[in-house]
C-alpha atoms as a PDB file:
ATOM      1  CA  UNK A   1     -15.424  59.366 -27.461  1.00  0.00           C
ATOM      2  CA  UNK A   2     -16.567  55.773 -28.157  1.00  0.00           C
ATOM      3  CA  UNK A   3     -16.627  53.803 -31.408  1.00  0.00           C
ATOM      4  CA  UNK A   4     -19.312  51.211 -32.266  1.00  0.00           C
ATOM      5  CA  UNK A   5     -17.882  48.265 -34.227  1.00  0.00           C
ATOM      6  CA  UNK A   6     -19.521  45.142 -35.697  1.00  0.00           C
ATOM      7  CA  UNK A   7     -17.631  42.051 -34.509  1.00  0.00           C
ATOM      8  CA  UNK A   8     -19.289  39.037 -36.165  1.00  0.00           C
ATOM      9  CA  UNK A   9     -22.626  37.546 -37.248  1.00  0.00           C
ATOM     10  CA  UNK A  10     -23.766  33.998 -36.377  1.00  0.00           C
ATOM     11  CA  UNK A  11     -26.636  32.354 -38.275  1.00  0.00           C
ATOM     12  CA  UNK A  12     -28.806  29.241 -38.198  1.00  0.00           C
ATOM     13  CA  UNK A  13     -31.660  27.884 -40.329  1.00  0.00           C
ATOM     14  CA  UNK A  14     -34.603  25.614 -39.557  1.00  0.00           C
ATOM     15  CA  UNK A  15     -33.615  25.429 -35.888  1.00  0.00           C
ATOM     16  CA  UNK A  16     -35.686  23.988 -33.042  1.00  0.00           C
ATOM     17  CA  UNK A  17     -36.023  26.815 -30.498  1.00  0.00           C
ATOM     18  CA  UNK A  18     -38.979  25.344 -28.599  1.00  0.00           C
ATOM     19  CA  UNK A  19     -36.647  25.144 -25.582  1.00  0.00           C
ATOM     20  CA  UNK A  20     -33.686  27.267 -24.534  1.00  0.00           C
ATOM     21  CA  UNK A  21     -31.377  27.134 -27.585  1.00  0.00           C
ATOM     22  CA  UNK A  22     -27.943  28.695 -28.194  1.00  0.00           C
ATOM     23  CA  UNK A  23     -28.148  31.125 -31.131  1.00  0.00           C
ATOM     24  CA  UNK A  24     -24.589  32.369 -31.339  1.00  0.00           C
ATOM     25  CA  UNK A  25     -21.438  32.758 -29.278  1.00  0.00           C
ATOM     26  CA  UNK A  26     -18.606  35.298 -29.125  1.00  0.00           C
ATOM     27  CA  UNK A  27     -15.146  34.982 -27.565  1.00  0.00           C
ATOM     28  CA  UNK A  28     -13.732  38.321 -26.413  1.00  0.00           C
ATOM     29  CA  UNK A  29     -10.305  39.449 -27.607  1.00  0.00           C
ATOM     30  CA  UNK A  30      -9.894  42.204 -25.011  1.00  0.00           C
ATOM     31  CA  UNK A  31     -11.513  44.418 -22.385  1.00  0.00           C
ATOM     32  CA  UNK A  32     -14.634  45.931 -23.917  1.00  0.00           C
ATOM     33  CA  UNK A  33     -18.399  46.428 -23.858  1.00  0.00           C
ATOM     34  CA  UNK A  34     -20.321  43.952 -26.053  1.00  0.00           C
ATOM     35  CA  UNK A  35     -23.971  43.821 -27.164  1.00  0.00           C
ATOM     36  CA  UNK A  36     -25.778  41.133 -29.156  1.00  0.00           C
ATOM     37  CA  UNK A  37     -28.727  41.689 -31.488  1.00  0.00           C
ATOM     38  CA  UNK A  38     -30.905  38.662 -32.336  1.00  0.00           C
ATOM     39  CA  UNK A  39     -33.351  38.474 -35.265  1.00  0.00           C
ATOM     40  CA  UNK A  40     -35.548  35.389 -35.682  1.00  0.00           C
ATOM     41  CA  UNK A  41     -37.745  34.638 -38.683  1.00  0.00           C
ATOM     42  CA  UNK A  42     -40.509  32.073 -39.338  1.00  0.00           C
ATOM     43  CA  UNK A  43     -41.552  31.737 -35.692  1.00  0.00           C
ATOM     44  CA  UNK A  44     -44.972  30.575 -34.507  1.00  0.00           C
ATOM     45  CA  UNK A  45     -45.752  33.852 -32.699  1.00  0.00           C
ATOM     46  CA  UNK A  46     -48.655  34.513 -30.346  1.00  0.00           C
ATOM     47  CA  UNK A  47     -46.622  34.134 -27.152  1.00  0.00           C
ATOM     48  CA  UNK A  48     -43.593  35.110 -25.112  1.00  0.00           C
ATOM     49  CA  UNK A  49     -40.036  34.526 -26.350  1.00  0.00           C
ATOM     50  CA  UNK A  50     -37.204  34.832 -23.830  1.00  0.00           C
ATOM     51  CA  UNK A  51     -33.696  35.989 -24.805  1.00  0.00           C
ATOM     52  CA  UNK A  52     -30.691  35.968 -22.498  1.00  0.00           C
ATOM     53  CA  UNK A  53     -26.884  35.825 -22.538  1.00  0.00           C
ATOM     54  CA  UNK A  54     -24.456  33.752 -20.462  1.00  0.00           C
ATOM     55  CA  UNK A  55     -20.833  34.605 -19.728  1.00  0.00           C
ATOM     56  CA  UNK A  56     -18.002  32.131 -19.075  1.00  0.00           C
ATOM     57  CA  UNK A  57     -15.094  33.898 -17.416  1.00  0.00           C
ATOM     58  CA  UNK A  58     -11.938  33.061 -19.332  1.00  0.00           C
ATOM     59  CA  UNK A  59     -13.912  30.628 -21.501  1.00  0.00           C
ATOM     60  CA  UNK A  60     -14.310  27.905 -18.858  1.00  0.00           C
ATOM     61  CA  UNK A  61     -16.178  27.083 -15.690  1.00  0.00           C
ATOM     62  CA  UNK A  62     -19.717  28.200 -14.883  1.00  0.00           C
ATOM     63  CA  UNK A  63     -21.875  29.858 -17.523  1.00  0.00           C
ATOM     64  CA  UNK A  64     -23.294  32.831 -15.608  1.00  0.00           C
ATOM     65  CA  UNK A  65     -26.756  33.947 -16.739  1.00  0.00           C
ATOM     66  CA  UNK A  66     -26.746  37.741 -17.170  1.00  0.00           C
ATOM     67  CA  UNK A  67     -29.952  39.131 -15.723  1.00  0.00           C
ATOM     68  CA  UNK A  68     -32.488  40.449 -16.381  1.00  0.00           C
ATOM     69  CA  UNK A  69     -33.612  38.196 -19.219  1.00  0.00           C
ATOM     70  CA  UNK A  70     -35.426  39.874 -22.115  1.00  0.00           C
ATOM     71  CA  UNK A  71     -39.029  38.793 -22.759  1.00  0.00           C
ATOM     72  CA  UNK A  72     -40.225  39.438 -26.321  1.00  0.00           C
ATOM     73  CA  UNK A  73     -44.022  39.161 -26.587  1.00  0.00           C
ATOM     74  CA  UNK A  74     -45.034  38.309 -30.158  1.00  0.00           C
ATOM     75  CA  UNK A  75     -48.656  38.925 -31.069  1.00  0.00           C
ATOM     76  CA  UNK A  76     -50.638  36.534 -33.244  1.00  0.00           C
ATOM     77  CA  UNK A  77     -49.375  36.854 -36.811  1.00  0.00           C
ATOM     78  CA  UNK A  78     -45.976  38.282 -35.828  1.00  0.00           C
ATOM     79  CA  UNK A  79     -43.532  35.747 -37.264  1.00  0.00           C
ATOM     80  CA  UNK A  80     -40.360  37.890 -37.544  1.00  0.00           C
ATOM     81  CA  UNK A  81     -39.074  39.180 -34.201  1.00  0.00           C
ATOM     82  CA  UNK A  82     -35.901  40.772 -32.867  1.00  0.00           C
ATOM     83  CA  UNK A  83     -34.365  41.634 -29.509  1.00  0.00           C
ATOM     84  CA  UNK A  84     -31.154  43.049 -28.025  1.00  0.00           C
ATOM     85  CA  UNK A  85     -29.141  42.537 -24.890  1.00  0.00           C
ATOM     86  CA  UNK A  86     -27.781  45.426 -22.880  1.00  0.00           C
ATOM     87  CA  UNK A  87     -24.083  46.320 -22.899  1.00  0.00           C
ATOM     88  CA  UNK A  88     -22.051  43.508 -21.295  1.00  0.00           C
ATOM     89  CA  UNK A  89     -18.571  43.946 -19.808  1.00  0.00           C
ATOM     90  CA  UNK A  90     -16.036  41.303 -20.889  1.00  0.00           C
ATOM     91  CA  UNK A  91     -12.329  40.665 -20.536  1.00  0.00           C
ATOM     92  CA  UNK A  92      -9.964  38.862 -22.887  1.00  0.00           C
ATOM     93  CA  UNK A  93     -10.992  35.204 -23.273  1.00  0.00           C
ATOM     94  CA  UNK A  94     -14.503  35.585 -21.817  1.00  0.00           C
ATOM     95  CA  UNK A  95     -17.141  33.690 -23.820  1.00  0.00           C
ATOM     96  CA  UNK A  96     -20.652  35.070 -24.330  1.00  0.00           C
ATOM     97  CA  UNK A  97     -23.431  32.747 -25.543  1.00  0.00           C
ATOM     98  CA  UNK A  98     -26.878  34.002 -26.551  1.00  0.00           C
ATOM     99  CA  UNK A  99     -29.967  31.838 -25.936  1.00  0.00           C
ATOM    100  CA  UNK A 100     -33.576  32.069 -27.110  1.00  0.00           C
ATOM    101  CA  UNK A 101     -36.409  30.114 -25.485  1.00  0.00           C
ATOM    102  CA  UNK A 102     -39.334  29.923 -27.926  1.00  0.00           C
ATOM    103  CA  UNK A 103     -42.791  28.367 -28.080  1.00  0.00           C
ATOM    104  CA  UNK A 104     -43.948  24.784 -28.483  1.00  0.00           C
ATOM    105  CA  UNK A 105     -44.636  25.353 -32.185  1.00  0.00           C
ATOM    106  CA  UNK A 106     -41.077  26.518 -32.971  1.00  0.00           C
ATOM    107  CA  UNK A 107     -39.561  23.123 -33.716  1.00  0.00           C
ATOM    108  CA  UNK A 108     -38.497  23.208 -37.368  1.00  0.00           C
ATOM    109  CA  UNK A 109     -38.931  26.541 -39.203  1.00  0.00           C
ATOM    110  CA  UNK A 110     -37.146  29.321 -37.237  1.00  0.00           C
ATOM    111  CA  UNK A 111     -34.105  30.963 -38.858  1.00  0.00           C
ATOM    112  CA  UNK A 112     -31.898  33.185 -36.685  1.00  0.00           C
ATOM    113  CA  UNK A 113     -29.191  35.788 -37.162  1.00  0.00           C
ATOM    114  CA  UNK A 114     -27.191  37.047 -34.178  1.00  0.00           C
ATOM    115  CA  UNK A 115     -24.967  40.117 -34.600  1.00  0.00           C
ATOM    116  CA  UNK A 116     -22.304  41.053 -32.047  1.00  0.00           C
ATOM    117  CA  UNK A 117     -21.144  44.648 -31.541  1.00  0.00           C
ATOM    118  CA  UNK A 118     -18.398  46.251 -29.479  1.00  0.00           C
ATOM    119  CA  UNK A 119     -18.273  49.700 -27.892  1.00  0.00           C
ATOM    120  CA  UNK A 120     -14.614  50.681 -27.627  1.00  0.00           C
ATOM    121  CA  UNK A 121     -13.238  53.905 -26.187  1.00  0.00           C
ATOM    122  CA  UNK A 122     -10.586  55.940 -27.984  1.00  0.00           C
ATOM    123  CA  UNK A 123      -7.475  56.120 -25.822  1.00  0.00           C
ATOM    124  CA  UNK A 124      -6.430  59.491 -24.389  1.00  0.00           C
ATOM    125  CA  UNK A 125      -2.974  60.839 -25.204  1.00  0.00           C
ATOM    126  CA  UNK A 126      -0.301  59.367 -22.981  1.00  0.00           C
ATOM    127  CA  UNK A 127       2.054  61.313 -20.716  1.00  0.00           C
ATOM    128  CA  UNK A 128       4.798  61.305 -23.353  1.00  0.00           C
ATOM    129  CA  UNK A 129       2.571  63.180 -25.813  1.00  0.00           C
ATOM    130  CA  UNK A 130       1.493  65.716 -23.179  1.00  0.00           C
ATOM    131  CA  UNK A 131       5.113  66.312 -22.166  1.00  0.00           C
ATOM    132  CA  UNK A 132       6.053  66.960 -25.796  1.00  0.00           C
ATOM    133  CA  UNK A 133       3.322  69.583 -26.120  1.00  0.00           C
ATOM    134  CA  UNK A 134       4.407  71.255 -22.871  1.00  0.00           C
ATOM    135  CA  UNK A 135       8.020  71.386 -24.030  1.00  0.00           C
ATOM    136  CA  UNK A 136       6.951  73.265 -27.157  1.00  0.00           C
ATOM    137  CA  UNK A 137       4.712  75.771 -25.339  1.00  0.00           C
ATOM    138  CA  UNK A 138       7.540  76.485 -22.877  1.00  0.00           C
ATOM    139  CA  UNK A 139       9.397  78.067 -25.809  1.00  0.00           C
ATOM    140  CA  UNK A 140       6.829  80.893 -26.065  1.00  0.00           C
ATOM    141  CA  UNK A 141       7.963  84.326 -24.784  1.00  0.00           C
ATOM    142  CA  UNK A 142       5.411  86.533 -22.997  1.00  0.00           C
ATOM    143  CA  UNK A 143       6.235  90.277 -23.186  1.00  0.00           C
ATOM    144  CA  UNK A 144       3.103  91.560 -21.434  1.00  0.00           C
ATOM    145  CA  UNK A 145       0.306  89.703 -19.641  1.00  0.00           C
ATOM    146  CA  UNK A 146      -1.771  87.545 -22.010  1.00  0.00           C
ATOM    147  CA  UNK A 147       0.299  88.543 -25.070  1.00  0.00           C
ATOM    148  CA  UNK A 148       2.782  86.490 -27.033  1.00  0.00           C
ATOM    149  CA  UNK A 149       5.936  87.925 -28.534  1.00  0.00           C
ATOM    150  CA  UNK A 150       5.205  87.775 -32.254  1.00  0.00           C
ATOM    151  CA  UNK A 151       8.928  87.543 -33.042  1.00  0.00           C
ATOM    152  CA  UNK A 152       9.378  84.330 -31.050  1.00  0.00           C
ATOM    153  CA  UNK A 153       9.735  81.168 -33.105  1.00  0.00           C
ATOM    154  CA  UNK A 154       8.172  77.919 -31.993  1.00  0.00           C
ATOM    155  CA  UNK A 155       9.326  74.590 -33.379  1.00  0.00           C
ATOM    156  CA  UNK A 156       6.174  72.440 -33.678  1.00  0.00           C
ATOM    157  CA  UNK A 157       7.926  69.510 -35.299  1.00  0.00           C
ATOM    158  CA  UNK A 158       7.060  66.245 -33.639  1.00  0.00           C
ATOM    159  CA  UNK A 159       3.929  67.333 -31.748  1.00  0.00           C
ATOM    160  CA  UNK A 160       1.451  64.493 -32.142  1.00  0.00           C
ATOM    161  CA  UNK A 161      -2.322  64.885 -31.979  1.00  0.00           C
ATOM    162  CA  UNK A 162      -4.388  62.794 -29.553  1.00  0.00           C
ATOM    163  CA  UNK A 163      -5.882  60.928 -32.510  1.00  0.00           C
ATOM    164  CA  UNK A 164      -2.421  60.026 -33.818  1.00  0.00           C
ATOM    165  CA  UNK A 165      -1.329  58.912 -30.351  1.00  0.00           C
ATOM    166  CA  UNK A 166      -4.430  56.737 -30.060  1.00  0.00           C
ATOM    167  CA  UNK A 167      -3.517  55.022 -33.331  1.00  0.00           C
ATOM    168  CA  UNK A 168       0.038  54.442 -32.116  1.00  0.00           C
ATOM    169  CA  UNK A 169      -1.222  53.024 -28.800  1.00  0.00           C
ATOM    170  CA  UNK A 170      -3.578  50.663 -30.614  1.00  0.00           C
ATOM    171  CA  UNK A 171      -0.802  49.443 -32.912  1.00  0.00           C
ATOM    172  CA  UNK A 172       1.556  48.859 -29.985  1.00  0.00           C
ATOM    173  CA  UNK A 173      -1.143  46.898 -28.137  1.00  0.00           C
ATOM    174  CA  UNK A 174      -1.773  44.759 -31.236  1.00  0.00           C
ATOM    175  CA  UNK A 175       1.952  44.017 -31.619  1.00  0.00           C
ATOM    176  CA  UNK A 176       2.247  43.155 -27.920  1.00  0.00           C
ATOM    177  CA  UNK A 177      -0.689  40.733 -28.165  1.00  0.00           C
ATOM    178  CA  UNK A 178       1.141  38.862 -30.932  1.00  0.00           C
ATOM    179  CA  UNK A 179       4.562  38.828 -29.271  1.00  0.00           C
ATOM    180  CA  UNK A 180       3.041  37.628 -25.974  1.00  0.00           C
ATOM    181  CA  UNK A 181       1.959  34.488 -27.827  1.00  0.00           C
ATOM    182  CA  UNK A 182       5.557  33.612 -28.799  1.00  0.00           C
ATOM    183  CA  UNK A 183       7.446  31.000 -26.800  1.00  0.00           C
ATOM    184  CA  UNK A 184      11.230  30.954 -26.336  1.00  0.00           C
ATOM    185  CA  UNK A 185      11.759  29.281 -29.705  1.00  0.00           C
ATOM    186  CA  UNK A 186       9.646  31.950 -31.490  1.00  0.00           C
ATOM    187  CA  UNK A 187       7.020  29.379 -32.476  1.00  0.00           C
ATOM    188  CA  UNK A 188       3.336  30.005 -31.700  1.00  0.00           C
ATOM    189  CA  UNK A 189       1.737  26.829 -30.332  1.00  0.00           C
ATOM    190  CA  UNK A 190      -1.946  26.411 -31.224  1.00  0.00           C
ATOM    191  CA  UNK A 191      -3.939  24.972 -28.320  1.00  0.00           C
ATOM    192  CA  UNK A 192      -6.391  22.164 -29.078  1.00  0.00           C
ATOM    193  CA  UNK A 193      -9.194  24.107 -27.384  1.00  0.00           C
ATOM    194  CA  UNK A 194      -9.122  27.923 -27.288  1.00  0.00           C
ATOM    195  CA  UNK A 195     -12.311  29.384 -25.852  1.00  0.00           C
ATOM    196  CA  UNK A 196     -15.080  27.846 -27.963  1.00  0.00           C
ATOM    197  CA  UNK A 197     -12.787  27.001 -30.912  1.00  0.00           C
ATOM    198  CA  UNK A 198     -11.342  23.499 -31.366  1.00  0.00           C
ATOM    199  CA  UNK A 199      -8.298  22.940 -33.589  1.00  0.00           C
ATOM    200  CA  UNK A 200      -7.734  19.555 -35.277  1.00  0.00           C
ATOM    201  CA  UNK A 201      -4.329  18.999 -36.890  1.00  0.00           C
ATOM    202  CA  UNK A 202      -4.847  16.723 -39.879  1.00  0.00           C
ATOM    203  CA  UNK A 203      -2.906  13.471 -39.621  1.00  0.00           C
ATOM    204  CA  UNK A 204      -2.330  13.766 -35.851  1.00  0.00           C
ATOM    205  CA  UNK A 205      -4.097  11.887 -33.090  1.00  0.00           C
ATOM    206  CA  UNK A 206      -6.769  14.318 -31.905  1.00  0.00           C
ATOM    207  CA  UNK A 207      -7.336  14.651 -28.169  1.00  0.00           C
ATOM    208  CA  UNK A 208      -9.091  17.529 -26.456  1.00  0.00           C
ATOM    209  CA  UNK A 209     -10.418  18.073 -22.966  1.00  0.00           C
ATOM    210  CA  UNK A 210     -13.531  20.151 -22.313  1.00  0.00           C
ATOM    211  CA  UNK A 211     -14.349  21.039 -18.718  1.00  0.00           C
ATOM    212  CA  UNK A 212     -17.159  22.575 -16.702  1.00  0.00           C
ATOM    213  CA  UNK A 213     -20.100  21.226 -18.730  1.00  0.00           C
ATOM    214  CA  UNK A 214     -22.156  20.543 -15.601  1.00  0.00           C
ATOM    215  CA  UNK A 215     -23.229  17.318 -13.934  1.00  0.00           C
ATOM    216  CA  UNK A 216     -23.296  14.247 -16.181  1.00  0.00           C
ATOM    217  CA  UNK A 217     -24.607  11.952 -13.438  1.00  0.00           C
ATOM    218  CA  UNK A 218     -27.837  11.110 -15.267  1.00  0.00           C
ATOM    219  CA  UNK A 219     -26.534  10.918 -18.832  1.00  0.00           C
ATOM    220  CA  UNK A 220     -27.949   8.364 -21.253  1.00  0.00           C
ATOM    221  CA  UNK A 221     -25.766   9.473 -24.178  1.00  0.00           C
ATOM    222  CA  UNK A 222     -23.153  12.116 -24.971  1.00  0.00           C
ATOM    223  CA  UNK A 223     -22.498  13.185 -28.577  1.00  0.00           C
ATOM    224  CA  UNK A 224     -19.597  15.148 -30.079  1.00  0.00           C
ATOM    225  CA  UNK A 225     -20.588  16.213 -33.604  1.00  0.00           C
ATOM    226  CA  UNK A 226     -18.708  18.257 -36.245  1.00  0.00           C
ATOM    227  CA  UNK A 227     -20.513  19.449 -39.401  1.00  0.00           C
ATOM    228  CA  UNK A 228     -19.769  21.662 -42.373  1.00  0.00           C
ATOM    229  CA  UNK A 229     -23.357  22.953 -42.182  1.00  0.00           C
ATOM    230  CA  UNK A 230     -25.583  22.889 -39.113  1.00  0.00           C
ATOM    231  CA  UNK A 231     -28.537  21.884 -41.281  1.00  0.00           C
ATOM    232  CA  UNK A 232     -26.913  18.574 -42.287  1.00  0.00           C
ATOM    233  CA  UNK A 233     -28.296  15.308 -40.962  1.00  0.00           C
ATOM    234  CA  UNK A 234     -26.253  13.623 -38.237  1.00  0.00           C
ATOM    235  CA  UNK A 235     -25.477  10.812 -40.687  1.00  0.00           C
ATOM    236  CA  UNK A 236     -23.740  13.386 -42.942  1.00  0.00           C
ATOM    237  CA  UNK A 237     -21.453  14.707 -40.172  1.00  0.00           C
ATOM    238  CA  UNK A 238     -17.749  15.196 -40.714  1.00  0.00           C
ATOM    239  CA  UNK A 239     -17.218  13.588 -37.279  1.00  0.00           C
ATOM    240  CA  UNK A 240     -19.713  12.076 -34.864  1.00  0.00           C
ATOM    241  CA  UNK A 241     -18.570  10.343 -31.686  1.00  0.00           C
ATOM    242  CA  UNK A 242     -20.997   8.984 -29.069  1.00  0.00           C
ATOM    243  CA  UNK A 243     -20.710   7.721 -25.500  1.00  0.00           C
ATOM    244  CA  UNK A 244     -23.620   5.580 -24.284  1.00  0.00           C
ATOM    245  CA  UNK A 245     -24.175   4.843 -20.583  1.00  0.00           C
ATOM    246  CA  UNK A 246     -24.787   1.218 -21.588  1.00  0.00           C
ATOM    247  CA  UNK A 247     -21.302   0.995 -23.103  1.00  0.00           C
ATOM    248  CA  UNK A 248     -22.840  -0.448 -26.292  1.00  0.00           C
ATOM    249  CA  UNK A 249     -23.082   0.841 -29.884  1.00  0.00           C
ATOM    250  CA  UNK A 250     -20.931   3.897 -29.235  1.00  0.00           C
ATOM    251  CA  UNK A 251     -17.516   5.255 -30.233  1.00  0.00           C
ATOM    252  CA  UNK A 252     -16.870   6.738 -33.698  1.00  0.00           C
ATOM    253  CA  UNK A 253     -20.205   6.529 -35.567  1.00  0.00           C
ATOM    254  CA  UNK A 254     -19.639   8.780 -38.599  1.00  0.00           C
ATOM    255  CA  UNK A 255     -16.551   9.992 -40.493  1.00  0.00           C
ATOM    256  CA  UNK A 256     -16.684  12.198 -43.601  1.00  0.00           C
ATOM    257  CA  UNK A 257     -20.433  11.654 -44.037  1.00  0.00           C
ATOM    258  CA  UNK A 258     -20.258   7.856 -43.953  1.00  0.00           C
ATOM    259  CA  UNK A 259     -20.578   5.132 -41.329  1.00  0.00           C
ATOM    260  CA  UNK A 260     -17.208   4.706 -39.621  1.00  0.00           C
ATOM    261  CA  UNK A 261     -15.417   1.444 -40.360  1.00  0.00           C
ATOM    262  CA  UNK A 262     -14.007   1.133 -36.829  1.00  0.00           C
ATOM    263  CA  UNK A 263     -15.955   2.513 -33.855  1.00  0.00           C
ATOM    264  CA  UNK A 264     -12.863   2.177 -31.655  1.00  0.00           C
ATOM    265  CA  UNK A 265     -11.126   4.966 -33.614  1.00  0.00           C
ATOM    266  CA  UNK A 266     -13.076   7.589 -31.627  1.00  0.00           C
ATOM    267  CA  UNK A 267     -14.158   7.916 -28.018  1.00  0.00           C
ATOM    268  CA  UNK A 268     -15.552  10.205 -25.341  1.00  0.00           C
ATOM    269  CA  UNK A 269     -14.344   9.658 -21.773  1.00  0.00           C
ATOM    270  CA  UNK A 270     -15.903  11.314 -18.710  1.00  0.00           C
ATOM    271  CA  UNK A 271     -13.035  12.370 -16.435  1.00  0.00           C
ATOM    272  CA  UNK A 272     -15.127  14.193 -13.808  1.00  0.00           C
ATOM    273  CA  UNK A 273     -18.827  13.334 -13.796  1.00  0.00           C
ATOM    274  CA  UNK A 274     -19.850  15.930 -11.199  1.00  0.00           C
ATOM    275  CA  UNK A 275     -18.073  18.869 -12.864  1.00  0.00           C
ATOM    276  CA  UNK A 276     -18.775  17.703 -16.411  1.00  0.00           C
ATOM    277  CA  UNK A 277     -15.183  17.221 -17.628  1.00  0.00           C
ATOM    278  CA  UNK A 278     -14.712  15.071 -20.731  1.00  0.00           C
ATOM    279  CA  UNK A 279     -11.900  14.030 -23.077  1.00  0.00           C
ATOM    280  CA  UNK A 280     -12.555  13.400 -26.784  1.00  0.00           C
ATOM    281  CA  UNK A 281     -10.126  11.395 -28.947  1.00  0.00           C
ATOM    282  CA  UNK A 282      -9.916  10.518 -32.653  1.00  0.00           C
ATOM    283  CA  UNK A 283      -7.272   8.329 -34.269  1.00  0.00           C
ATOM    284  CA  UNK A 284      -4.634   9.811 -36.584  1.00  0.00           C
ATOM    285  CA  UNK A 285      -5.774   7.470 -39.375  1.00  0.00           C
ATOM    286  CA  UNK A 286      -9.141   9.283 -39.248  1.00  0.00           C
ATOM    287  CA  UNK A 287      -7.944  12.887 -38.983  1.00  0.00           C
ATOM    288  CA  UNK A 288      -5.693  12.151 -41.976  1.00  0.00           C
ATOM    289  CA  UNK A 289      -8.840  11.849 -44.117  1.00  0.00           C
ATOM    290  CA  UNK A 290     -10.343  15.214 -43.103  1.00  0.00           C
ATOM    291  CA  UNK A 291     -10.506  18.191 -45.450  1.00  0.00           C
ATOM    292  CA  UNK A 292      -9.053  21.418 -44.058  1.00  0.00           C
ATOM    293  CA  UNK A 293     -11.538  24.165 -43.290  1.00  0.00           C
ATOM    294  CA  UNK A 294     -13.755  25.696 -40.620  1.00  0.00           C
ATOM    295  CA  UNK A 295     -16.695  23.696 -39.292  1.00  0.00           C
ATOM    296  CA  UNK A 296     -19.267  23.864 -36.477  1.00  0.00           C
ATOM    297  CA  UNK A 297     -19.345  21.501 -33.496  1.00  0.00           C
ATOM    298  CA  UNK A 298     -21.352  20.876 -30.365  1.00  0.00           C
ATOM    299  CA  UNK A 299     -21.506  18.524 -27.402  1.00  0.00           C
ATOM    300  CA  UNK A 300     -25.038  17.276 -26.697  1.00  0.00           C
ATOM    301  CA  UNK A 301     -26.336  15.547 -23.569  1.00  0.00           C
ATOM    302  CA  UNK A 302     -29.284  13.144 -23.737  1.00  0.00           C
ATOM    303  CA  UNK A 303     -30.980  12.254 -20.450  1.00  0.00           C
ATOM    304  CA  UNK A 304     -34.120  10.232 -19.768  1.00  0.00           C
ATOM    305  CA  UNK A 305     -36.421  13.247 -20.088  1.00  0.00           C
ATOM    306  CA  UNK A 306     -34.253  16.049 -21.500  1.00  0.00           C
ATOM    307  CA  UNK A 307     -31.886  16.930 -24.350  1.00  0.00           C
ATOM    308  CA  UNK A 308     -29.332  19.718 -23.799  1.00  0.00           C
ATOM    309  CA  UNK A 309     -26.571  21.319 -25.875  1.00  0.00           C
ATOM    310  CA  UNK A 310     -23.738  21.727 -23.366  1.00  0.00           C
ATOM    311  CA  UNK A 311     -21.317  23.713 -25.520  1.00  0.00           C
ATOM    312  CA  UNK A 312     -20.779  24.654 -29.165  1.00  0.00           C
ATOM    313  CA  UNK A 313     -18.356  26.581 -31.323  1.00  0.00           C
ATOM    314  CA  UNK A 314     -16.047  26.385 -34.313  1.00  0.00           C
ATOM    315  CA  UNK A 315     -13.855  23.406 -35.224  1.00  0.00           C
ATOM    316  CA  UNK A 316     -10.923  24.194 -37.503  1.00  0.00           C
ATOM    317  CA  UNK A 317      -9.046  21.464 -39.386  1.00  0.00           C
ATOM    318  CA  UNK A 318      -5.551  22.691 -40.290  1.00  0.00           C
ATOM    319  CA  UNK A 319      -3.096  21.060 -42.677  1.00  0.00           C
ATOM    320  CA  UNK A 320      -0.182  18.976 -41.530  1.00  0.00           C
ATOM    321  CA  UNK A 321       3.242  18.873 -43.171  1.00  0.00           C
ATOM    322  CA  UNK A 322       4.251  15.246 -42.690  1.00  0.00           C
ATOM    323  CA  UNK A 323       1.393  13.102 -44.020  1.00  0.00           C
ATOM    324  CA  UNK A 324       2.577   9.664 -42.860  1.00  0.00           C
ATOM    325  CA  UNK A 325       0.460   8.155 -40.061  1.00  0.00           C
ATOM    326  CA  UNK A 326       2.147   4.751 -39.819  1.00  0.00           C
END
């Protein structure tokens, strides 16, 4: 028996989908089957829309395109369309990203909603449960073939059903997942980057490394942008850091929706141009001014003739205890 469960819903408004555009991402928390369902409104229509999903094993390295891609042919006048992927196998830490490649007229109006679902199997009873049932049935006394002695008493205390055992197994697995995260001092350490989620500790110098973005050999500019709302202008970003190939007019451009006072407080460094490995830093005096909460971020590549979003996800600002930064 399998159970269908809704995992999360990602949304976007007034998004340019005229080229291949990420419309949601999901990081797996276990071994499962996952499907995504994409609905897009206010499209131009009268053409073919292509939907596909990529998978990063363990959340890093190559983004494998899962074939076949889905082509959604919208007739003239059809401005609200939807499509689904097939069931996709994932393991813990795998990252799925859904893309839609629209038409030339889909530059400013499309709104999208991507829902992620999981198909999970109910665990069978384990050997301990089966052994308990056998021990109880062994107490039955047979007086003639296929007949049970009606005077025999059977103690059924403690026999668990398969459904109850499945619940116990699930609870044990959940507890184990938490205890596995404990180090020897019983403190859980939050990584700066976990899958597609970035954690910024307020008041600390922020430094994170992102790898496997692909070749950066022909970059003109790289941007790391964090926003409370994806519809905000770049000038209203919580954080915007740029790296220009010229080495001019880059660094920390925006902080808390205003022009940064010191560009040197933020930087992007390319550590492996061929693989696409970068390191992003932001001074403690800047993170100290950030409001805690959950935001959206992406890393965008600008080349001479192309603009690409290399990765995106959630950025979480968490509170510090000691507020002093100097």
